[in-house]
N, C-alpha and C. Protein backbone atom coordinates (compact mmCIF):
# COMPACT_ATOMS: atom_id res chain seq x y z
N MET A 1 121.19 109.20 102.01
CA MET A 1 120.02 108.42 102.38
C MET A 1 119.25 108.01 101.13
N ILE A 2 118.74 106.81 101.16
CA ILE A 2 117.99 106.25 100.04
C ILE A 2 116.55 106.01 100.49
N LYS A 3 115.60 106.52 99.71
CA LYS A 3 114.18 106.30 100.02
C LYS A 3 113.75 104.99 99.37
N ARG A 4 113.12 104.11 100.16
CA ARG A 4 112.63 102.82 99.68
C ARG A 4 111.14 102.68 100.03
N ILE A 5 110.40 102.02 99.14
CA ILE A 5 108.98 101.77 99.36
C ILE A 5 108.79 100.27 99.52
N ILE A 6 108.28 99.88 100.67
CA ILE A 6 108.07 98.47 100.97
C ILE A 6 106.58 98.20 101.07
N SER A 7 106.12 97.20 100.33
CA SER A 7 104.71 96.81 100.35
C SER A 7 104.60 95.48 101.08
N LEU A 8 103.69 95.42 102.04
CA LEU A 8 103.47 94.20 102.80
C LEU A 8 102.01 93.79 102.70
N THR A 9 101.77 92.50 102.64
CA THR A 9 100.42 92.01 102.85
C THR A 9 100.48 91.23 104.16
N VAL A 10 99.50 91.50 105.02
CA VAL A 10 99.48 90.92 106.37
C VAL A 10 98.09 90.45 106.71
N LEU A 11 98.02 89.53 107.65
CA LEU A 11 96.72 89.13 108.16
C LEU A 11 96.17 90.30 108.97
N ASN A 12 94.89 90.55 108.82
CA ASN A 12 94.24 91.67 109.48
C ASN A 12 93.85 91.24 110.89
N ARG A 13 94.84 91.30 111.80
CA ARG A 13 94.63 90.88 113.18
C ARG A 13 95.14 91.95 114.14
N PRO A 14 94.61 91.98 115.36
CA PRO A 14 95.08 92.96 116.33
C PRO A 14 96.58 92.79 116.62
N GLY A 15 97.28 93.91 116.71
CA GLY A 15 98.69 93.90 117.09
C GLY A 15 99.68 93.78 115.96
N VAL A 16 99.22 93.45 114.75
CA VAL A 16 100.14 93.24 113.63
C VAL A 16 100.91 94.53 113.32
N LEU A 17 100.20 95.63 113.19
CA LEU A 17 100.86 96.90 112.87
C LEU A 17 101.85 97.28 113.96
N ASN A 18 101.49 97.06 115.21
CA ASN A 18 102.38 97.37 116.32
C ASN A 18 103.68 96.56 116.24
N ARG A 19 103.56 95.26 115.94
CA ARG A 19 104.75 94.42 115.84
C ARG A 19 105.65 94.86 114.68
N ILE A 20 105.04 95.28 113.59
CA ILE A 20 105.83 95.72 112.44
C ILE A 20 106.56 97.03 112.75
N THR A 21 105.85 97.99 113.32
CA THR A 21 106.50 99.27 113.62
C THR A 21 107.55 99.09 114.72
N ASN A 22 107.33 98.18 115.66
CA ASN A 22 108.34 97.90 116.68
C ASN A 22 109.61 97.33 116.07
N LEU A 23 109.45 96.51 115.04
CA LEU A 23 110.61 95.96 114.36
C LEU A 23 111.50 97.08 113.81
N PHE A 24 110.88 98.07 113.19
CA PHE A 24 111.63 99.22 112.67
C PHE A 24 112.26 100.00 113.82
N SER A 25 111.48 100.22 114.86
CA SER A 25 111.94 101.02 115.99
C SER A 25 113.13 100.37 116.71
N LYS A 26 113.06 99.07 116.95
CA LYS A 26 114.14 98.36 117.65
C LYS A 26 115.47 98.45 116.90
N ARG A 27 115.39 98.54 115.59
CA ARG A 27 116.60 98.60 114.78
C ARG A 27 116.98 100.04 114.41
N ASN A 28 116.25 100.98 115.00
CA ASN A 28 116.51 102.40 114.83
C ASN A 28 116.35 102.87 113.37
N TYR A 29 115.37 102.30 112.67
CA TYR A 29 115.03 102.73 111.31
C TYR A 29 113.79 103.60 111.40
N ASN A 30 113.82 104.71 110.70
CA ASN A 30 112.68 105.62 110.75
C ASN A 30 111.72 105.35 109.60
N ILE A 31 110.44 105.28 109.90
CA ILE A 31 109.40 105.16 108.89
C ILE A 31 109.00 106.58 108.50
N GLU A 32 109.22 106.94 107.23
CA GLU A 32 108.84 108.27 106.75
C GLU A 32 107.33 108.40 106.62
N SER A 33 106.70 107.36 106.08
CA SER A 33 105.24 107.32 106.04
C SER A 33 104.80 105.87 106.03
N ILE A 34 103.58 105.67 106.55
CA ILE A 34 103.01 104.33 106.58
C ILE A 34 101.52 104.45 106.29
N SER A 35 101.03 103.58 105.45
CA SER A 35 99.63 103.58 105.06
C SER A 35 99.12 102.15 105.18
N VAL A 36 97.97 101.99 105.81
CA VAL A 36 97.42 100.65 106.05
C VAL A 36 95.95 100.65 105.64
N GLY A 37 95.53 99.60 104.97
CA GLY A 37 94.12 99.47 104.62
C GLY A 37 93.80 98.05 104.17
N LEU A 38 92.52 97.77 104.09
CA LEU A 38 92.09 96.45 103.63
C LEU A 38 92.53 96.22 102.19
N SER A 39 92.77 94.97 101.85
CA SER A 39 93.16 94.62 100.49
C SER A 39 91.99 93.96 99.77
N GLU A 40 92.26 93.43 98.58
CA GLU A 40 91.24 92.76 97.80
C GLU A 40 90.84 91.40 98.40
N GLN A 41 91.66 90.86 99.31
CA GLN A 41 91.38 89.57 99.94
C GLN A 41 90.79 89.79 101.33
N GLU A 42 89.72 89.10 101.64
CA GLU A 42 89.10 89.23 102.95
C GLU A 42 90.07 88.78 104.03
N GLY A 43 90.18 89.57 105.09
CA GLY A 43 91.05 89.22 106.22
C GLY A 43 92.51 89.58 106.01
N VAL A 44 92.81 90.26 104.89
CA VAL A 44 94.19 90.63 104.58
C VAL A 44 94.27 92.14 104.37
N SER A 45 95.29 92.76 104.96
CA SER A 45 95.52 94.19 104.79
C SER A 45 96.81 94.41 104.02
N ARG A 46 96.88 95.57 103.38
CA ARG A 46 98.10 95.98 102.68
C ARG A 46 98.70 97.15 103.45
N ILE A 47 99.99 97.06 103.69
CA ILE A 47 100.73 98.13 104.36
C ILE A 47 101.78 98.64 103.39
N THR A 48 101.85 99.95 103.24
CA THR A 48 102.89 100.57 102.43
C THR A 48 103.75 101.42 103.36
N CYS A 49 105.03 101.09 103.43
CA CYS A 49 105.98 101.84 104.27
C CYS A 49 106.99 102.54 103.37
N VAL A 50 107.21 103.80 103.64
CA VAL A 50 108.29 104.53 102.98
C VAL A 50 109.35 104.76 104.04
N VAL A 51 110.56 104.28 103.77
CA VAL A 51 111.65 104.39 104.74
C VAL A 51 112.87 105.02 104.08
N GLN A 52 113.66 105.71 104.89
CA GLN A 52 114.94 106.25 104.45
C GLN A 52 116.02 105.37 105.07
N VAL A 53 116.91 104.84 104.24
CA VAL A 53 117.99 104.00 104.73
C VAL A 53 119.33 104.51 104.20
N GLU A 54 120.39 104.12 104.89
CA GLU A 54 121.72 104.57 104.49
C GLU A 54 122.30 103.75 103.36
N ASP A 55 121.99 102.45 103.31
CA ASP A 55 122.47 101.64 102.19
C ASP A 55 121.54 100.47 101.92
N GLU A 56 121.72 99.85 100.77
CA GLU A 56 120.81 98.80 100.28
C GLU A 56 120.77 97.57 101.19
N ARG A 57 121.86 97.27 101.89
CA ARG A 57 121.88 96.09 102.76
C ARG A 57 120.86 96.19 103.88
N ILE A 58 120.57 97.39 104.30
CA ILE A 58 119.59 97.59 105.37
C ILE A 58 118.21 97.13 104.91
N ILE A 59 117.87 97.42 103.65
CA ILE A 59 116.56 96.99 103.13
C ILE A 59 116.47 95.46 103.12
N GLU A 60 117.55 94.79 102.77
CA GLU A 60 117.56 93.32 102.82
C GLU A 60 117.30 92.83 104.24
N GLN A 61 117.95 93.47 105.22
CA GLN A 61 117.74 93.09 106.62
C GLN A 61 116.29 93.31 107.03
N ILE A 62 115.76 94.47 106.67
CA ILE A 62 114.37 94.79 107.02
C ILE A 62 113.43 93.76 106.41
N THR A 63 113.63 93.46 105.14
CA THR A 63 112.78 92.49 104.44
C THR A 63 112.84 91.13 105.11
N LYS A 64 114.03 90.67 105.45
CA LYS A 64 114.18 89.36 106.10
C LYS A 64 113.48 89.35 107.46
N GLN A 65 113.65 90.42 108.23
CA GLN A 65 113.02 90.49 109.55
C GLN A 65 111.49 90.54 109.43
N LEU A 66 110.99 91.30 108.46
CA LEU A 66 109.54 91.37 108.26
C LEU A 66 108.98 90.01 107.86
N ASN A 67 109.69 89.30 107.00
CA ASN A 67 109.23 87.98 106.56
C ASN A 67 109.17 86.97 107.70
N LYS A 68 109.90 87.20 108.78
CA LYS A 68 109.89 86.30 109.93
C LYS A 68 108.65 86.50 110.81
N GLN A 69 107.96 87.60 110.62
CA GLN A 69 106.77 87.89 111.43
C GLN A 69 105.65 86.92 111.05
N ILE A 70 104.99 86.37 112.05
CA ILE A 70 103.96 85.34 111.84
C ILE A 70 102.83 85.81 110.94
N ASP A 71 102.32 87.01 111.15
CA ASP A 71 101.15 87.48 110.41
C ASP A 71 101.48 88.15 109.08
N VAL A 72 102.76 88.19 108.71
CA VAL A 72 103.17 88.79 107.44
C VAL A 72 103.11 87.72 106.36
N LEU A 73 102.36 87.99 105.30
CA LEU A 73 102.22 87.04 104.20
C LEU A 73 103.24 87.28 103.10
N LYS A 74 103.53 88.56 102.82
CA LYS A 74 104.43 88.88 101.72
C LYS A 74 105.06 90.24 101.96
N VAL A 75 106.34 90.35 101.62
CA VAL A 75 107.07 91.61 101.72
C VAL A 75 107.77 91.84 100.38
N VAL A 76 107.55 93.02 99.80
CA VAL A 76 108.18 93.34 98.51
C VAL A 76 108.70 94.77 98.55
N ASP A 77 109.96 94.95 98.20
CA ASP A 77 110.52 96.29 98.01
C ASP A 77 110.15 96.68 96.58
N ILE A 78 109.20 97.60 96.43
CA ILE A 78 108.69 97.95 95.10
C ILE A 78 109.31 99.22 94.53
N THR A 79 110.32 99.73 95.21
CA THR A 79 110.93 101.01 94.81
C THR A 79 111.37 101.03 93.36
N ASP A 80 112.02 99.96 92.90
CA ASP A 80 112.58 99.94 91.55
C ASP A 80 111.62 99.41 90.49
N GLN A 81 110.39 99.11 90.88
CA GLN A 81 109.39 98.64 89.93
C GLN A 81 108.59 99.83 89.40
N SER A 82 107.89 99.61 88.32
CA SER A 82 106.96 100.61 87.82
C SER A 82 105.73 100.54 88.73
N ILE A 83 105.47 101.63 89.46
CA ILE A 83 104.42 101.58 90.47
C ILE A 83 103.39 102.69 90.28
N VAL A 84 102.25 102.49 90.91
CA VAL A 84 101.23 103.53 91.06
C VAL A 84 101.28 103.91 92.53
N ALA A 85 101.58 105.17 92.82
CA ALA A 85 101.67 105.64 94.21
C ALA A 85 100.86 106.91 94.36
N ARG A 86 100.11 106.99 95.43
CA ARG A 86 99.28 108.17 95.69
C ARG A 86 99.30 108.50 97.17
N GLU A 87 99.02 109.75 97.43
CA GLU A 87 98.93 110.26 98.79
C GLU A 87 97.76 111.23 98.81
N LEU A 88 97.17 111.41 99.96
CA LEU A 88 96.07 112.35 100.14
C LEU A 88 96.48 113.39 101.17
N ALA A 89 96.14 114.64 100.91
CA ALA A 89 96.36 115.71 101.90
C ALA A 89 95.11 116.55 102.02
N LEU A 90 94.79 116.93 103.24
CA LEU A 90 93.74 117.90 103.53
C LEU A 90 94.44 119.13 104.09
N ILE A 91 94.14 120.28 103.50
CA ILE A 91 94.81 121.51 103.88
C ILE A 91 93.77 122.59 104.17
N LYS A 92 93.79 123.12 105.41
CA LYS A 92 92.89 124.20 105.77
C LYS A 92 93.65 125.51 105.61
N VAL A 93 93.09 126.38 104.77
CA VAL A 93 93.73 127.65 104.43
C VAL A 93 92.80 128.80 104.83
N PRO A 94 93.33 129.81 105.55
CA PRO A 94 92.49 130.97 105.85
C PRO A 94 92.21 131.75 104.56
N THR A 95 91.01 132.28 104.45
CA THR A 95 90.68 133.04 103.25
C THR A 95 89.98 134.34 103.60
N LEU A 96 90.20 135.27 102.74
CA LEU A 96 89.48 136.55 102.77
C LEU A 96 88.79 136.67 101.43
N PRO A 97 87.75 137.48 101.33
CA PRO A 97 87.11 137.65 100.02
C PRO A 97 88.11 138.08 98.93
N THR A 98 89.13 138.80 99.31
CA THR A 98 90.11 139.28 98.32
C THR A 98 91.08 138.19 97.85
N THR A 99 91.27 137.13 98.64
CA THR A 99 92.23 136.09 98.26
C THR A 99 91.59 134.80 97.72
N ARG A 100 90.29 134.66 97.89
CA ARG A 100 89.65 133.40 97.47
C ARG A 100 89.87 133.08 96.00
N ASN A 101 89.69 134.05 95.11
CA ASN A 101 89.87 133.78 93.68
C ASN A 101 91.31 133.37 93.36
N GLU A 102 92.27 133.99 94.02
CA GLU A 102 93.68 133.60 93.82
C GLU A 102 93.90 132.15 94.24
N ILE A 103 93.37 131.79 95.38
CA ILE A 103 93.53 130.41 95.88
C ILE A 103 92.83 129.43 94.95
N TYR A 104 91.62 129.76 94.49
CA TYR A 104 90.91 128.90 93.55
C TYR A 104 91.72 128.68 92.28
N SER A 105 92.40 129.72 91.82
CA SER A 105 93.20 129.58 90.59
C SER A 105 94.41 128.67 90.79
N LEU A 106 94.89 128.53 92.02
CA LEU A 106 95.99 127.60 92.30
C LEU A 106 95.50 126.16 92.38
N ILE A 107 94.28 125.98 92.84
CA ILE A 107 93.72 124.65 93.05
C ILE A 107 93.49 123.92 91.73
N GLU A 108 92.94 124.60 90.76
CA GLU A 108 92.54 123.97 89.49
C GLU A 108 93.66 123.23 88.76
N PRO A 109 94.84 123.82 88.54
CA PRO A 109 95.89 123.09 87.80
C PRO A 109 96.37 121.82 88.51
N PHE A 110 96.20 121.76 89.82
CA PHE A 110 96.63 120.59 90.58
C PHE A 110 95.52 119.54 90.71
N ARG A 111 94.39 119.81 90.11
CA ARG A 111 93.22 118.92 90.19
C ARG A 111 92.83 118.64 91.64
N ALA A 112 93.02 119.63 92.47
CA ALA A 112 92.59 119.54 93.86
C ALA A 112 91.13 119.95 93.92
N SER A 113 90.52 119.77 95.07
CA SER A 113 89.13 120.18 95.21
C SER A 113 88.90 120.78 96.59
N ILE A 114 87.89 121.60 96.66
CA ILE A 114 87.50 122.21 97.92
C ILE A 114 86.43 121.32 98.53
N VAL A 115 86.67 120.86 99.76
CA VAL A 115 85.73 119.94 100.40
C VAL A 115 84.99 120.58 101.56
N ASP A 116 85.40 121.79 101.97
CA ASP A 116 84.68 122.50 103.02
C ASP A 116 84.96 124.00 102.88
N VAL A 117 83.92 124.80 103.10
CA VAL A 117 84.06 126.26 103.02
C VAL A 117 83.39 126.87 104.24
N SER A 118 84.09 127.78 104.89
CA SER A 118 83.49 128.58 105.96
C SER A 118 83.76 130.04 105.63
N LYS A 119 83.27 130.94 106.46
CA LYS A 119 83.44 132.35 106.14
C LYS A 119 84.89 132.80 106.19
N ASP A 120 85.74 132.09 106.96
CA ASP A 120 87.12 132.54 107.07
C ASP A 120 88.17 131.51 106.64
N SER A 121 87.73 130.36 106.10
CA SER A 121 88.70 129.36 105.64
C SER A 121 88.07 128.39 104.64
N ILE A 122 88.95 127.67 103.96
CA ILE A 122 88.51 126.58 103.08
C ILE A 122 89.39 125.38 103.38
N VAL A 123 88.85 124.18 103.10
CA VAL A 123 89.63 122.95 103.22
C VAL A 123 89.79 122.39 101.82
N ILE A 124 91.04 122.19 101.46
CA ILE A 124 91.39 121.69 100.13
C ILE A 124 91.82 120.23 100.25
N GLN A 125 91.33 119.41 99.33
CA GLN A 125 91.73 118.01 99.24
C GLN A 125 92.57 117.85 97.99
N ILE A 126 93.75 117.25 98.13
CA ILE A 126 94.60 117.00 96.98
C ILE A 126 95.14 115.58 97.06
N THR A 127 95.12 114.88 95.93
CA THR A 127 95.69 113.54 95.86
C THR A 127 96.70 113.49 94.74
N GLY A 128 97.66 112.60 94.88
CA GLY A 128 98.66 112.44 93.85
C GLY A 128 99.96 111.94 94.45
N GLU A 129 101.01 112.01 93.65
CA GLU A 129 102.32 111.61 94.12
C GLU A 129 102.82 112.63 95.14
N SER A 130 103.71 112.21 96.00
CA SER A 130 104.22 113.07 97.07
C SER A 130 104.78 114.37 96.55
N GLU A 131 105.48 114.32 95.42
CA GLU A 131 106.10 115.53 94.86
C GLU A 131 105.05 116.55 94.45
N LYS A 132 103.93 116.08 93.91
CA LYS A 132 102.83 116.97 93.53
C LYS A 132 102.27 117.67 94.76
N ILE A 133 102.07 116.90 95.82
CA ILE A 133 101.52 117.47 97.05
C ILE A 133 102.49 118.47 97.66
N GLU A 134 103.77 118.14 97.67
CA GLU A 134 104.79 119.07 98.18
C GLU A 134 104.77 120.37 97.39
N ALA A 135 104.68 120.27 96.06
CA ALA A 135 104.66 121.47 95.21
C ALA A 135 103.44 122.33 95.52
N PHE A 136 102.28 121.70 95.71
CA PHE A 136 101.07 122.46 96.02
C PHE A 136 101.18 123.14 97.38
N ILE A 137 101.71 122.43 98.35
CA ILE A 137 101.87 123.01 99.70
C ILE A 137 102.77 124.24 99.63
N GLU A 138 103.86 124.16 98.88
CA GLU A 138 104.77 125.31 98.74
C GLU A 138 104.06 126.50 98.10
N LEU A 139 103.20 126.23 97.12
CA LEU A 139 102.45 127.31 96.46
C LEU A 139 101.42 127.96 97.38
N ILE A 140 100.81 127.17 98.24
CA ILE A 140 99.73 127.67 99.08
C ILE A 140 100.25 128.29 100.39
N LYS A 141 101.50 128.00 100.76
CA LYS A 141 102.07 128.50 102.02
C LYS A 141 101.95 130.01 102.21
N PRO A 142 102.19 130.82 101.18
CA PRO A 142 102.09 132.27 101.40
C PRO A 142 100.71 132.74 101.87
N TYR A 143 99.67 131.95 101.64
CA TYR A 143 98.32 132.31 102.08
C TYR A 143 98.08 131.88 103.53
N GLY A 144 99.00 131.07 104.04
CA GLY A 144 98.88 130.57 105.41
C GLY A 144 98.22 129.20 105.42
N ILE A 145 98.71 128.33 106.26
CA ILE A 145 98.12 127.01 106.43
C ILE A 145 97.72 126.88 107.89
N LYS A 146 96.41 126.76 108.13
CA LYS A 146 95.91 126.60 109.50
C LYS A 146 96.14 125.18 109.99
N GLU A 147 95.82 124.21 109.14
CA GLU A 147 95.98 122.80 109.48
C GLU A 147 96.36 122.03 108.23
N LEU A 148 97.12 120.95 108.45
CA LEU A 148 97.54 120.09 107.35
C LEU A 148 97.55 118.65 107.84
N ALA A 149 96.92 117.75 107.09
CA ALA A 149 96.93 116.31 107.41
C ALA A 149 97.25 115.55 106.13
N ARG A 150 98.24 114.65 106.21
CA ARG A 150 98.63 113.84 105.05
C ARG A 150 98.54 112.36 105.41
N THR A 151 98.15 111.56 104.42
CA THR A 151 97.99 110.13 104.67
C THR A 151 99.28 109.35 104.58
N GLY A 152 100.25 109.84 103.86
CA GLY A 152 101.42 109.03 103.55
C GLY A 152 101.12 108.28 102.26
N SER A 153 102.15 107.77 101.64
CA SER A 153 101.98 107.10 100.35
C SER A 153 101.36 105.73 100.49
N THR A 154 100.55 105.39 99.52
CA THR A 154 100.08 104.02 99.35
C THR A 154 100.41 103.66 97.91
N ALA A 155 100.89 102.44 97.69
CA ALA A 155 101.40 102.11 96.36
C ALA A 155 101.35 100.61 96.11
N PHE A 156 101.35 100.27 94.83
CA PHE A 156 101.60 98.90 94.39
C PHE A 156 102.07 98.92 92.95
N PRO A 157 102.67 97.81 92.49
CA PRO A 157 103.19 97.78 91.12
C PRO A 157 102.09 97.89 90.07
N ARG A 158 102.45 98.46 88.94
CA ARG A 158 101.52 98.54 87.80
C ARG A 158 101.31 97.15 87.21
N GLY A 159 100.22 96.99 86.51
CA GLY A 159 99.97 95.75 85.79
C GLY A 159 99.88 94.55 86.70
N MET A 160 100.42 93.44 86.24
CA MET A 160 100.32 92.18 86.97
C MET A 160 101.60 91.81 87.70
N GLN A 161 102.51 92.75 87.91
CA GLN A 161 103.81 92.44 88.51
C GLN A 161 103.71 91.74 89.86
N LEU A 162 102.91 92.28 90.78
CA LEU A 162 102.83 91.72 92.12
C LEU A 162 101.81 90.59 92.20
N GLN A 163 100.72 90.69 91.44
CA GLN A 163 99.64 89.71 91.54
C GLN A 163 100.06 88.31 91.12
N SER A 164 101.00 88.20 90.18
CA SER A 164 101.34 86.90 89.65
C SER A 164 101.90 85.96 90.71
N ASN A 165 102.52 86.53 91.76
CA ASN A 165 103.02 85.64 92.79
C ASN A 165 102.47 86.01 94.17
N SER A 166 101.29 86.59 94.19
CA SER A 166 100.64 86.90 95.46
C SER A 166 100.14 85.63 96.09
N PRO A 167 100.22 85.55 97.41
CA PRO A 167 99.70 84.35 98.05
C PRO A 167 98.18 84.31 97.97
N LYS A 168 97.63 83.16 97.72
CA LYS A 168 96.19 82.97 97.76
C LYS A 168 95.91 82.22 99.05
N ILE A 169 95.21 82.86 99.93
CA ILE A 169 94.98 82.25 101.24
C ILE A 169 93.50 82.24 101.55
N SER A 170 93.14 81.40 102.45
CA SER A 170 91.78 81.46 102.97
C SER A 170 91.89 81.60 104.48
N ILE A 171 91.13 82.50 105.00
CA ILE A 171 91.14 82.78 106.43
C ILE A 171 90.00 81.99 107.07
N VAL A 172 90.30 81.22 108.06
CA VAL A 172 89.29 80.40 108.75
C VAL A 172 88.97 81.04 110.07
């Protein structure tokens, strides 16, 4: 299996995300993670999909099918480009007075932060590449994980790679 990162810019309209995910579903392709948010252009959203495929031809098919969607402005497989990719995770860990210092010592090297503290647990926020988050989760597992929420990757190419041929549109 090959992991691919696809970046889409779409019109920010109701049903767009549903049509895109249905396209993957109908063709029996699994989305490993999906992240959606507003972009720098008003009325336009950026979607980052991470998919696992069996061979490169499938990505070509996916790209062609996505480009046929009315509200899709641009589709780019950015996997082989130099990219900036980040993910966010919130992790609730049970704590005792005897384990708090140990947990704090694990948090610092990963540049994570504590965003909530209660008498019996803490909530840790960590951002970074997926591999960094996976490594932190493995380190914190022995202390127990009460809850875990991850955003999925969001990414775009470094520098001016994608911007140079981005569509400039006006939404009426």
